[in-house]
Amino acid sequence: MEAIERHTIAVLVDNEPGVLARVIGLFSGRGYNIESLTVSEVDSVHGLSRITVVTSGTPMIIQQIKAQLDRLVPVHKVADLTAEGAHVERELALIKVCNTGEERIEALRIADTFRARVLDSTLSSFTFELTGTAGKLDAFIKLMAALGEVEVSRTGVVAIARGSDVSMPMLRDKADGL
């Protein structure tokens, strides 16, 4: 049996209605799992968005996912950041913890250790902002959950290749002379 691998895949697509639904439909229609999904416009001049998908499967399944994504009409480029080499992954989370007394002091101490910022504070709650790897966020949330009731909102993974490699180059406008 082949090992299950986790891959981060970046997809450059036209920024138009229905494109995200088509990408998600590709995954759901074939029973592939999406662990994280982020999308945002990255080039307003050319109307392009970047979708970052974290998924897992056997090497054969990952190859199928990339091939099927590449065949979608609004897709310009598919880059498997995991397969292409070193890359940076980050996620943003807002974490609200409700507590009183000594738990509040401990929450602030832990937040300082994790370099989390306090965005909101009341007499019975803190809302922290934390950026980092999924593992770092998971660890922080677990510690906060031990100190009180927790509410979490996460962005999902964004990723980019390390170094001078450019997996998803921006289109250059010929009229600008670039």
Protein backbone atom coordinates (compact mmCIF):
# COMPACT_ATOMS: atom_id res chain seq x y z
CA MET A 1 0.00 0.00 0.00
CA GLU A 2 1.33 3.42 -0.96
CA ALA A 3 1.89 6.03 1.74
CA ILE A 4 -0.44 9.00 2.02
CA GLU A 5 1.35 12.28 1.34
CA ARG A 6 0.31 15.86 2.15
CA HIS A 7 0.81 18.31 -0.73
CA THR A 8 0.36 22.06 -1.09
CA ILE A 9 -0.77 22.94 -4.61
CA ALA A 10 -0.99 26.49 -6.01
CA VAL A 11 -3.31 27.12 -8.94
CA LEU A 12 -3.37 30.33 -11.01
CA VAL A 13 -6.86 30.87 -12.44
CA ASP A 14 -9.03 33.47 -14.11
CA ASN A 15 -10.82 35.57 -11.49
CA GLU A 16 -14.36 35.01 -12.69
CA PRO A 17 -17.60 33.63 -11.25
CA GLY A 18 -17.79 29.86 -10.92
CA VAL A 19 -14.06 29.07 -11.14
CA LEU A 20 -13.68 28.21 -7.45
CA ALA A 21 -16.81 26.04 -7.63
CA ARG A 22 -15.30 24.13 -10.57
CA VAL A 23 -12.05 23.53 -8.66
CA ILE A 24 -13.91 22.38 -5.54
CA GLY A 25 -16.20 20.25 -7.70
CA LEU A 26 -13.18 18.46 -9.12
CA PHE A 27 -12.18 17.43 -5.59
CA SER A 28 -15.63 16.54 -4.27
CA GLY A 29 -16.71 14.74 -7.43
CA ARG A 30 -13.82 12.33 -7.15
CA GLY A 31 -13.79 11.97 -3.37
CA TYR A 32 -10.51 13.86 -2.84
CA ASN A 33 -10.09 15.63 0.49
CA ILE A 34 -9.30 19.32 0.88
CA GLU A 35 -7.51 20.02 4.17
CA SER A 36 -7.14 23.74 3.50
CA LEU A 37 -8.33 26.09 0.76
CA THR A 38 -7.50 29.76 0.25
CA VAL A 39 -8.18 31.99 -2.73
CA SER A 40 -7.52 35.62 -3.50
CA GLU A 41 -7.05 37.88 -6.47
CA VAL A 42 -3.33 38.36 -7.12
CA ASP A 43 -3.40 40.35 -10.39
CA SER A 44 -6.28 42.79 -10.91
CA VAL A 45 -4.92 44.01 -14.26
CA HIS A 46 -5.07 40.54 -15.81
CA GLY A 47 -7.95 39.26 -13.66
CA LEU A 48 -6.07 36.40 -12.02
CA SER A 49 -6.57 34.68 -8.69
CA ARG A 50 -4.38 32.21 -6.84
CA ILE A 51 -5.94 29.20 -5.18
CA THR A 52 -3.85 27.35 -2.62
CA VAL A 53 -5.09 23.85 -1.82
CA VAL A 54 -3.65 21.51 0.79
CA THR A 55 -4.66 17.93 0.10
CA SER A 56 -3.44 14.43 0.78
CA GLY A 57 -3.35 11.17 -1.06
CA THR A 58 -1.09 8.58 -2.56
CA PRO A 59 1.46 9.84 -5.12
CA MET A 60 -0.84 8.54 -7.88
CA ILE A 61 -3.83 10.46 -6.49
CA ILE A 62 -1.75 13.67 -6.20
CA GLN A 63 -0.68 13.27 -9.84
CA GLN A 64 -4.33 12.79 -10.87
CA ILE A 65 -5.38 15.91 -8.96
CA LYS A 66 -2.69 18.02 -10.64
CA ALA A 67 -3.49 16.65 -14.11
CA GLN A 68 -7.23 17.23 -13.68
CA LEU A 69 -6.67 20.76 -12.36
CA ASP A 70 -4.42 21.52 -15.31
CA ARG A 71 -7.20 20.49 -17.74
CA LEU A 72 -9.75 22.96 -16.36
CA VAL A 73 -10.28 25.80 -18.84
CA PRO A 74 -9.83 28.78 -16.48
CA VAL A 75 -6.56 27.35 -15.05
CA HIS A 76 -3.33 28.98 -16.25
CA LYS A 77 -0.81 27.11 -14.12
CA VAL A 78 -0.65 24.36 -11.50
CA ALA A 79 2.36 24.19 -9.18
CA ASP A 80 2.90 21.45 -6.61
CA LEU A 81 4.94 23.41 -4.07
CA THR A 82 5.62 20.26 -2.05
CA ALA A 83 7.12 18.41 -5.02
CA GLU A 84 9.01 21.44 -6.35
CA GLY A 85 11.11 21.84 -3.21
CA ALA A 86 11.34 24.07 -0.18
CA HIS A 87 8.46 26.45 0.37
CA VAL A 88 7.05 28.64 3.11
CA GLU A 89 3.57 27.95 4.50
CA ARG A 90 1.70 30.26 6.85
CA GLU A 91 -1.77 30.53 8.26
CA LEU A 92 -3.51 33.30 10.20
CA ALA A 93 -5.86 32.62 13.09
CA LEU A 94 -8.00 34.69 15.40
CA ILE A 95 -8.41 32.92 18.73
CA LYS A 96 -10.85 34.11 21.40
CA VAL A 97 -10.43 32.67 24.89
CA CYS A 98 -12.93 33.39 27.63
CA ASN A 99 -11.58 33.14 31.16
CA THR A 100 -11.01 34.96 34.45
CA GLY A 101 -8.45 35.13 37.24
CA GLU A 102 -5.16 33.27 36.96
CA GLU A 103 -6.14 31.79 33.60
CA ARG A 104 -6.04 35.31 32.10
CA ILE A 105 -2.47 35.85 33.26
CA GLU A 106 -1.46 32.45 31.90
CA ALA A 107 -3.18 33.18 28.56
CA LEU A 108 -1.14 36.38 28.20
CA ARG A 109 2.09 34.59 29.12
CA ILE A 110 1.47 31.85 26.53
CA ALA A 111 0.47 34.45 23.92
CA ASP A 112 3.75 36.26 24.51
CA THR A 113 5.69 33.01 24.04
CA PHE A 114 3.92 32.36 20.74
CA ARG A 115 4.21 36.03 19.67
CA ALA A 116 0.45 36.35 19.42
CA ARG A 117 -1.00 39.86 19.38
CA VAL A 118 -3.92 40.90 21.56
CA LEU A 119 -6.56 42.42 19.25
CA ASP A 120 -9.41 42.71 21.75
CA SER A 121 -9.69 42.50 25.50
CA THR A 122 -12.64 42.51 27.86
CA LEU A 123 -12.88 41.67 31.55
CA SER A 124 -13.62 38.05 30.62
CA SER A 125 -11.97 37.45 27.23
CA PHE A 126 -9.01 38.02 24.96
CA THR A 127 -8.90 37.79 21.18
CA PHE A 128 -5.46 36.95 19.84
CA GLU A 129 -4.03 37.14 16.33
CA LEU A 130 -1.44 34.49 15.49
CA THR A 131 0.44 33.74 12.28
CA GLY A 132 2.53 30.65 11.66
CA THR A 133 2.51 27.07 10.55
CA ALA A 134 -0.61 24.97 11.07
CA GLY A 135 1.26 23.07 13.80
CA LYS A 136 2.09 26.26 15.69
CA LEU A 137 -1.55 27.40 15.54
CA ASP A 138 -2.79 23.97 16.65
CA ALA A 139 -0.43 24.01 19.65
CA PHE A 140 -1.52 27.52 20.68
CA ILE A 141 -5.22 26.65 20.37
CA LYS A 142 -4.74 23.50 22.46
CA LEU A 143 -3.05 25.49 25.23
CA MET A 144 -5.76 28.17 25.17
CA ALA A 145 -8.50 25.52 25.31
CA ALA A 146 -7.04 24.35 28.62
CA LEU A 147 -7.54 27.90 29.98
CA GLY A 148 -11.17 28.52 29.03
CA GLU A 149 -13.79 28.40 26.33
CA VAL A 150 -12.23 29.01 22.90
CA GLU A 151 -13.55 30.23 19.55
CA VAL A 152 -11.30 29.97 16.48
CA SER A 153 -11.34 31.48 12.99
CA ARG A 154 -8.56 30.40 10.59
CA THR A 155 -7.63 31.57 7.11
CA GLY A 156 -6.22 28.35 5.71
CA VAL A 157 -2.72 27.84 4.36
CA VAL A 158 -0.99 30.27 2.02
CA ALA A 159 2.34 29.19 0.56
CA ILE A 160 5.12 30.31 -1.73
CA ALA A 161 8.39 28.74 -2.95
CA ARG A 162 11.56 29.61 -1.02
CA GLY A 163 14.45 31.40 -2.65
CA SER A 164 14.51 32.87 -6.13
CA ASP A 165 12.29 30.18 -7.70
CA VAL A 166 9.04 31.71 -8.94
CA SER A 167 6.34 29.04 -9.32
CA MET A 168 3.57 31.46 -10.25
CA PRO A 169 5.08 34.49 -12.03
CA MET A 170 2.86 37.52 -12.44
CA LEU A 171 1.99 38.37 -16.01
CA ARG A 172 3.86 41.37 -17.27
CA ASP A 173 2.07 44.02 -19.23
CA LYS A 174 3.83 44.57 -22.57
CA ALA A 175 2.44 48.10 -22.75
CA ASP A 176 4.35 48.97 -19.58
CA GLY A 177 7.59 47.84 -21.17
CA LEU A 178 8.19 45.22 -18.47
